[in-house]
N, C-alpha and C. Protein backbone atom coordinates (compact mmCIF):
# COMPACT_ATOMS: atom_id res chain seq x y z
N UNK A 1 -7.10 1.50 18.73
CA UNK A 1 -7.07 1.86 17.33
C UNK A 1 -8.09 1.02 16.58
N UNK A 2 -8.62 1.59 15.55
CA UNK A 2 -9.57 0.86 14.70
C UNK A 2 -8.86 -0.27 13.97
N UNK A 3 -9.60 -1.34 13.69
CA UNK A 3 -9.03 -2.44 12.90
C UNK A 3 -8.75 -2.02 11.47
N UNK A 4 -9.48 -1.01 10.99
CA UNK A 4 -9.34 -0.54 9.61
C UNK A 4 -9.03 0.94 9.62
N UNK A 5 -7.97 1.30 8.92
CA UNK A 5 -7.66 2.71 8.69
C UNK A 5 -7.78 2.95 7.19
N UNK A 6 -8.31 4.11 6.83
CA UNK A 6 -8.47 4.49 5.42
C UNK A 6 -7.67 5.76 5.19
N UNK A 7 -6.70 5.70 4.27
CA UNK A 7 -5.95 6.90 3.91
C UNK A 7 -6.89 7.80 3.12
N UNK A 8 -7.20 8.95 3.69
CA UNK A 8 -8.28 9.78 3.17
C UNK A 8 -7.79 10.89 2.24
N UNK A 9 -6.51 11.06 2.07
CA UNK A 9 -6.01 12.09 1.16
C UNK A 9 -6.32 11.71 -0.29
N UNK A 10 -6.89 12.64 -1.04
CA UNK A 10 -7.10 12.49 -2.49
C UNK A 10 -7.94 11.25 -2.83
N UNK A 11 -9.05 11.03 -2.13
CA UNK A 11 -9.84 9.81 -2.34
C UNK A 11 -10.90 9.92 -3.43
N UNK A 12 -11.41 11.10 -3.69
CA UNK A 12 -12.43 11.30 -4.71
C UNK A 12 -13.64 10.39 -4.48
N UNK A 13 -14.25 9.96 -5.54
CA UNK A 13 -15.45 9.12 -5.48
C UNK A 13 -15.16 7.76 -4.84
N UNK A 14 -13.94 7.22 -5.07
CA UNK A 14 -13.58 5.91 -4.51
C UNK A 14 -13.72 5.89 -2.99
N UNK A 15 -13.27 6.95 -2.36
CA UNK A 15 -13.34 7.03 -0.90
C UNK A 15 -14.77 7.06 -0.40
N UNK A 16 -15.61 7.79 -1.10
CA UNK A 16 -17.02 7.85 -0.71
C UNK A 16 -17.70 6.49 -0.86
N UNK A 17 -17.38 5.79 -1.96
CA UNK A 17 -17.95 4.45 -2.15
C UNK A 17 -17.45 3.49 -1.08
N UNK A 18 -16.17 3.58 -0.75
CA UNK A 18 -15.61 2.71 0.29
C UNK A 18 -16.26 2.99 1.63
N UNK A 19 -16.39 4.25 1.97
CA UNK A 19 -17.00 4.60 3.26
C UNK A 19 -18.43 4.07 3.34
N UNK A 20 -19.15 4.19 2.25
CA UNK A 20 -20.53 3.69 2.23
C UNK A 20 -20.56 2.17 2.38
N UNK A 21 -19.63 1.47 1.71
CA UNK A 21 -19.58 0.01 1.81
C UNK A 21 -19.22 -0.43 3.23
N UNK A 22 -18.22 0.22 3.83
CA UNK A 22 -17.83 -0.13 5.20
C UNK A 22 -19.00 0.09 6.16
N UNK A 23 -19.72 1.16 5.94
CA UNK A 23 -20.88 1.48 6.77
C UNK A 23 -21.98 0.43 6.60
N UNK A 24 -22.22 0.01 5.37
CA UNK A 24 -23.26 -0.98 5.09
C UNK A 24 -22.94 -2.31 5.76
N UNK A 25 -21.66 -2.65 5.85
CA UNK A 25 -21.24 -3.89 6.50
C UNK A 25 -20.96 -3.70 7.99
N UNK A 26 -21.26 -2.50 8.49
CA UNK A 26 -21.04 -2.14 9.89
C UNK A 26 -19.61 -2.40 10.34
N UNK A 27 -18.66 -2.01 9.48
CA UNK A 27 -17.24 -2.13 9.78
C UNK A 27 -16.70 -0.76 10.14
N UNK A 28 -16.39 -0.55 11.42
CA UNK A 28 -15.87 0.76 11.82
C UNK A 28 -14.48 0.99 11.24
N UNK A 29 -14.25 2.18 10.76
CA UNK A 29 -12.95 2.53 10.19
C UNK A 29 -12.58 3.94 10.61
N UNK A 30 -11.30 4.16 10.73
CA UNK A 30 -10.79 5.48 11.05
C UNK A 30 -10.21 6.10 9.79
N UNK A 31 -10.64 7.31 9.46
CA UNK A 31 -10.09 8.03 8.32
C UNK A 31 -8.82 8.73 8.79
N UNK A 32 -7.72 8.50 8.08
CA UNK A 32 -6.43 9.07 8.49
C UNK A 32 -5.82 9.83 7.33
N UNK A 33 -4.91 10.72 7.66
CA UNK A 33 -4.21 11.50 6.64
C UNK A 33 -2.78 10.99 6.49
N UNK A 34 -2.17 11.37 5.39
CA UNK A 34 -0.77 11.03 5.18
C UNK A 34 0.11 11.62 6.26
N UNK A 35 -0.25 12.81 6.72
CA UNK A 35 0.54 13.45 7.79
C UNK A 35 0.50 12.62 9.07
N UNK A 36 -0.67 12.08 9.42
CA UNK A 36 -0.78 11.23 10.62
C UNK A 36 0.08 9.97 10.48
N UNK A 37 0.06 9.39 9.29
CA UNK A 37 0.87 8.19 9.05
C UNK A 37 2.35 8.55 9.16
N UNK A 38 2.74 9.68 8.60
CA UNK A 38 4.12 10.14 8.68
C UNK A 38 4.58 10.38 10.10
N UNK A 39 3.65 10.71 10.98
CA UNK A 39 3.98 10.95 12.39
C UNK A 39 4.05 9.65 13.20
N UNK A 40 3.82 8.49 12.56
CA UNK A 40 4.00 7.22 13.24
C UNK A 40 2.74 6.50 13.66
N UNK A 41 1.59 6.91 13.15
CA UNK A 41 0.32 6.30 13.55
C UNK A 41 0.29 4.79 13.33
N UNK A 42 0.81 4.32 12.19
CA UNK A 42 0.76 2.87 11.90
C UNK A 42 1.66 2.07 12.83
N UNK A 43 2.69 2.69 13.32
CA UNK A 43 3.63 2.02 14.24
C UNK A 43 3.10 2.06 15.67
N UNK A 44 2.56 3.19 16.07
CA UNK A 44 2.12 3.39 17.46
C UNK A 44 0.75 2.78 17.74
N UNK A 45 -0.13 2.80 16.74
CA UNK A 45 -1.48 2.26 16.90
C UNK A 45 -1.85 1.46 15.65
N UNK A 46 -1.16 0.35 15.40
CA UNK A 46 -1.35 -0.35 14.13
C UNK A 46 -2.74 -0.94 13.96
N UNK A 47 -3.37 -0.65 12.82
CA UNK A 47 -4.64 -1.30 12.50
C UNK A 47 -4.34 -2.68 11.92
N UNK A 48 -5.37 -3.45 11.69
CA UNK A 48 -5.17 -4.73 10.99
C UNK A 48 -4.89 -4.49 9.52
N UNK A 49 -5.56 -3.47 8.97
CA UNK A 49 -5.40 -3.18 7.54
C UNK A 49 -5.46 -1.68 7.28
N UNK A 50 -4.63 -1.26 6.34
CA UNK A 50 -4.68 0.10 5.82
C UNK A 50 -5.30 0.00 4.44
N UNK A 51 -6.42 0.69 4.24
CA UNK A 51 -7.07 0.69 2.93
C UNK A 51 -6.77 2.02 2.26
N UNK A 52 -6.32 1.94 1.01
CA UNK A 52 -5.99 3.14 0.25
C UNK A 52 -6.85 3.14 -1.01
N UNK A 53 -7.98 3.87 -0.96
CA UNK A 53 -8.87 3.90 -2.12
C UNK A 53 -8.29 4.73 -3.26
N UNK A 54 -9.01 4.72 -4.37
CA UNK A 54 -8.56 5.39 -5.58
C UNK A 54 -8.31 6.87 -5.41
N UNK A 55 -7.85 7.42 -6.47
CA UNK A 55 -7.40 8.80 -6.52
C UNK A 55 -6.07 8.79 -7.26
N UNK A 56 -5.30 9.80 -7.09
CA UNK A 56 -4.03 9.91 -7.79
C UNK A 56 -2.90 9.38 -6.91
N UNK A 57 -2.19 8.35 -7.38
CA UNK A 57 -1.12 7.74 -6.58
C UNK A 57 -0.03 8.76 -6.24
N UNK A 58 0.30 9.64 -7.18
CA UNK A 58 1.33 10.66 -6.90
C UNK A 58 0.89 11.61 -5.80
N UNK A 59 -0.38 12.00 -5.85
CA UNK A 59 -0.91 12.91 -4.82
C UNK A 59 -0.90 12.21 -3.46
N UNK A 60 -1.20 10.92 -3.44
CA UNK A 60 -1.16 10.18 -2.18
C UNK A 60 0.27 10.10 -1.65
N UNK A 61 1.22 9.83 -2.54
CA UNK A 61 2.62 9.76 -2.14
C UNK A 61 3.09 11.11 -1.61
N UNK A 62 2.66 12.18 -2.27
CA UNK A 62 3.01 13.53 -1.79
C UNK A 62 2.44 13.79 -0.40
N UNK A 63 1.18 13.37 -0.19
CA UNK A 63 0.53 13.58 1.12
C UNK A 63 1.26 12.79 2.21
N UNK A 64 1.75 11.60 1.87
CA UNK A 64 2.49 10.78 2.84
C UNK A 64 3.89 11.32 3.09
N UNK A 65 4.51 11.85 2.05
CA UNK A 65 5.90 12.30 2.18
C UNK A 65 6.82 11.10 2.35
N UNK A 66 8.11 11.36 2.38
CA UNK A 66 9.08 10.27 2.52
C UNK A 66 8.91 9.51 3.84
N UNK A 67 8.64 10.26 4.92
CA UNK A 67 8.43 9.60 6.22
C UNK A 67 7.22 8.68 6.19
N UNK A 68 6.12 9.18 5.64
CA UNK A 68 4.89 8.38 5.57
C UNK A 68 5.05 7.16 4.69
N UNK A 69 5.73 7.31 3.55
CA UNK A 69 5.98 6.15 2.69
C UNK A 69 6.81 5.11 3.43
N UNK A 70 7.80 5.58 4.17
CA UNK A 70 8.61 4.67 4.98
C UNK A 70 7.79 3.96 6.04
N UNK A 71 6.86 4.69 6.65
CA UNK A 71 5.98 4.09 7.67
C UNK A 71 5.08 3.01 7.06
N UNK A 72 4.57 3.26 5.85
CA UNK A 72 3.73 2.27 5.18
C UNK A 72 4.58 1.04 4.84
N UNK A 73 5.78 1.25 4.32
CA UNK A 73 6.68 0.13 4.00
C UNK A 73 6.93 -0.71 5.25
N UNK A 74 7.25 -0.06 6.35
CA UNK A 74 7.53 -0.77 7.60
C UNK A 74 6.30 -1.52 8.10
N UNK A 75 5.15 -0.90 8.00
CA UNK A 75 3.89 -1.51 8.42
C UNK A 75 3.63 -2.80 7.64
N UNK A 76 3.80 -2.74 6.32
CA UNK A 76 3.57 -3.92 5.48
C UNK A 76 4.65 -4.98 5.74
N UNK A 77 5.90 -4.54 5.87
CA UNK A 77 7.00 -5.48 6.12
C UNK A 77 6.81 -6.22 7.44
N UNK A 78 6.16 -5.57 8.41
CA UNK A 78 5.91 -6.19 9.71
C UNK A 78 4.65 -7.06 9.71
N UNK A 79 4.01 -7.20 8.55
CA UNK A 79 2.83 -8.07 8.45
C UNK A 79 1.50 -7.34 8.43
N UNK A 80 1.52 -6.01 8.41
CA UNK A 80 0.27 -5.26 8.34
C UNK A 80 -0.41 -5.44 7.01
N UNK A 81 -1.73 -5.41 7.01
CA UNK A 81 -2.49 -5.59 5.78
C UNK A 81 -2.60 -4.29 5.00
N UNK A 82 -2.53 -4.39 3.68
CA UNK A 82 -2.64 -3.24 2.79
C UNK A 82 -3.60 -3.61 1.67
N UNK A 83 -4.64 -2.82 1.50
CA UNK A 83 -5.59 -3.02 0.40
C UNK A 83 -5.69 -1.71 -0.35
N UNK A 84 -5.23 -1.72 -1.59
CA UNK A 84 -5.29 -0.53 -2.41
C UNK A 84 -6.02 -0.82 -3.71
N UNK A 85 -6.82 0.13 -4.16
CA UNK A 85 -7.44 -0.03 -5.47
C UNK A 85 -7.36 1.27 -6.21
N UNK A 86 -7.28 1.16 -7.52
CA UNK A 86 -7.08 2.29 -8.42
C UNK A 86 -5.79 3.00 -8.01
N UNK A 87 -5.82 4.26 -7.61
CA UNK A 87 -4.60 4.97 -7.22
C UNK A 87 -3.93 4.34 -6.01
N UNK A 88 -4.70 3.71 -5.13
CA UNK A 88 -4.12 3.02 -3.98
C UNK A 88 -3.34 1.79 -4.39
N UNK A 89 -3.79 1.12 -5.45
CA UNK A 89 -3.04 -0.02 -5.97
C UNK A 89 -1.74 0.45 -6.59
N UNK A 90 -1.80 1.58 -7.29
CA UNK A 90 -0.58 2.15 -7.88
C UNK A 90 0.44 2.50 -6.83
N UNK A 91 -0.02 3.07 -5.73
CA UNK A 91 0.89 3.40 -4.63
C UNK A 91 1.48 2.12 -4.04
N UNK A 92 0.65 1.11 -3.85
CA UNK A 92 1.13 -0.17 -3.32
C UNK A 92 2.15 -0.82 -4.24
N UNK A 93 1.91 -0.75 -5.55
CA UNK A 93 2.87 -1.33 -6.49
C UNK A 93 4.19 -0.57 -6.47
N UNK A 94 4.13 0.75 -6.30
CA UNK A 94 5.36 1.53 -6.22
C UNK A 94 6.17 1.11 -5.00
N UNK A 95 5.50 0.88 -3.88
CA UNK A 95 6.18 0.44 -2.67
C UNK A 95 6.77 -0.95 -2.88
N UNK A 96 5.98 -1.87 -3.49
CA UNK A 96 6.49 -3.21 -3.77
C UNK A 96 7.67 -3.17 -4.73
N UNK A 97 7.60 -2.32 -5.74
CA UNK A 97 8.71 -2.22 -6.71
C UNK A 97 9.98 -1.80 -5.99
N UNK A 98 9.87 -0.85 -5.09
CA UNK A 98 11.05 -0.39 -4.35
C UNK A 98 11.64 -1.53 -3.50
N UNK A 99 10.77 -2.28 -2.83
CA UNK A 99 11.23 -3.41 -2.02
C UNK A 99 11.93 -4.43 -2.92
N UNK A 100 11.31 -4.76 -4.07
CA UNK A 100 11.90 -5.73 -4.99
C UNK A 100 13.25 -5.25 -5.51
N UNK A 101 13.36 -3.96 -5.85
CA UNK A 101 14.62 -3.42 -6.36
C UNK A 101 15.70 -3.49 -5.29
N UNK A 102 15.32 -3.28 -4.03
CA UNK A 102 16.29 -3.41 -2.94
C UNK A 102 16.79 -4.85 -2.80
N UNK A 103 15.97 -5.81 -3.25
CA UNK A 103 16.36 -7.22 -3.22
C UNK A 103 17.05 -7.65 -4.53
N UNK A 104 17.21 -6.69 -5.44
CA UNK A 104 17.86 -6.99 -6.71
C UNK A 104 16.90 -7.45 -7.78
N UNK A 105 15.60 -7.29 -7.56
CA UNK A 105 14.60 -7.74 -8.53
C UNK A 105 13.82 -6.57 -9.10
N UNK A 106 12.66 -6.89 -9.72
CA UNK A 106 11.84 -5.85 -10.31
C UNK A 106 10.41 -6.36 -10.48
N UNK A 107 9.47 -5.43 -10.58
CA UNK A 107 8.08 -5.71 -10.93
C UNK A 107 7.81 -4.90 -12.19
N UNK A 108 7.33 -5.55 -13.23
CA UNK A 108 7.10 -4.89 -14.51
C UNK A 108 5.65 -5.07 -14.92
N UNK A 109 5.02 -3.99 -15.34
CA UNK A 109 3.65 -4.05 -15.86
C UNK A 109 3.70 -4.52 -17.30
N UNK A 110 2.85 -5.47 -17.65
CA UNK A 110 2.79 -6.00 -19.00
C UNK A 110 1.47 -5.55 -19.64
N UNK A 111 1.50 -4.46 -20.42
CA UNK A 111 0.25 -3.93 -20.99
C UNK A 111 -0.32 -4.82 -22.08
N UNK A 112 -1.56 -4.57 -22.43
CA UNK A 112 -2.20 -5.29 -23.53
C UNK A 112 -3.20 -6.31 -23.04
N UNK A 113 -3.64 -7.13 -23.98
CA UNK A 113 -4.65 -8.15 -23.67
C UNK A 113 -4.11 -9.10 -22.60
N UNK A 114 -4.91 -9.38 -21.62
CA UNK A 114 -4.48 -10.25 -20.52
C UNK A 114 -3.39 -9.59 -19.70
N UNK A 115 -3.47 -8.26 -19.57
CA UNK A 115 -2.43 -7.51 -18.87
C UNK A 115 -2.17 -8.07 -17.49
N UNK A 116 -0.96 -7.93 -17.07
CA UNK A 116 -0.58 -8.42 -15.75
C UNK A 116 0.77 -7.87 -15.36
N UNK A 117 1.42 -8.55 -14.45
CA UNK A 117 2.71 -8.11 -13.94
C UNK A 117 3.70 -9.25 -14.00
N UNK A 118 4.94 -8.91 -14.21
CA UNK A 118 6.02 -9.89 -14.16
C UNK A 118 6.90 -9.52 -12.98
N UNK A 119 7.13 -10.46 -12.10
CA UNK A 119 8.01 -10.27 -10.96
C UNK A 119 9.27 -11.08 -11.20
N UNK A 120 10.41 -10.43 -11.11
CA UNK A 120 11.67 -11.15 -11.32
C UNK A 120 12.66 -10.75 -10.24
N UNK A 121 13.44 -11.71 -9.81
CA UNK A 121 14.51 -11.43 -8.85
C UNK A 121 15.54 -12.54 -8.96
N UNK A 122 16.79 -12.20 -8.69
CA UNK A 122 17.84 -13.21 -8.80
C UNK A 122 17.81 -14.16 -7.61
N UNK A 123 18.14 -15.40 -7.88
CA UNK A 123 18.29 -16.40 -6.83
C UNK A 123 19.68 -16.99 -6.97
N UNK A 124 20.43 -16.94 -5.90
CA UNK A 124 21.77 -17.51 -5.91
C UNK A 124 21.67 -18.97 -5.48
N UNK A 125 22.15 -19.83 -6.35
CA UNK A 125 22.13 -21.25 -6.06
C UNK A 125 23.59 -21.74 -5.97
N UNK A 126 23.99 -22.17 -4.82
CA UNK A 126 25.33 -22.71 -4.67
C UNK A 126 25.36 -24.14 -5.19
N UNK A 127 26.48 -24.54 -5.80
CA UNK A 127 26.56 -25.92 -6.30
C UNK A 127 26.47 -26.91 -5.15
N UNK A 128 25.88 -28.05 -5.45
CA UNK A 128 25.77 -29.11 -4.46
C UNK A 128 27.14 -29.72 -4.22
N UNK A 129 27.43 -30.09 -2.99
CA UNK A 129 28.71 -30.75 -2.73
C UNK A 129 28.73 -32.12 -3.40
N UNK A 130 29.91 -32.52 -3.85
CA UNK A 130 30.02 -33.84 -4.53
C UNK A 130 30.40 -34.91 -3.58
């Protein structure tokens, strides 16, 4: 398997720019579809990193389907690399938000000047023995 896989569904101009950059740096990459990921590609032939270039995050999620989204979650949870930008970053944040909510926390976007994210989750602290 290639060290780099690129989710090629709904990539638009971002995908073309990424492909050109990878080529310029002589980094071989395999273009994959959401359907291939849903069929277990990341589990059976894991790359070092899955790159998800821009486009529409909803369209990417639709292309992956529930199985594919689960495969990406499992891949990242097992230590696989994920690099998303534009729509790919949105998809990554949605996956992270789901993981955080399962842990009882949340990720919140803070719009405006100096925009960023707030990550919150509960921590249970038992009292120290006396």
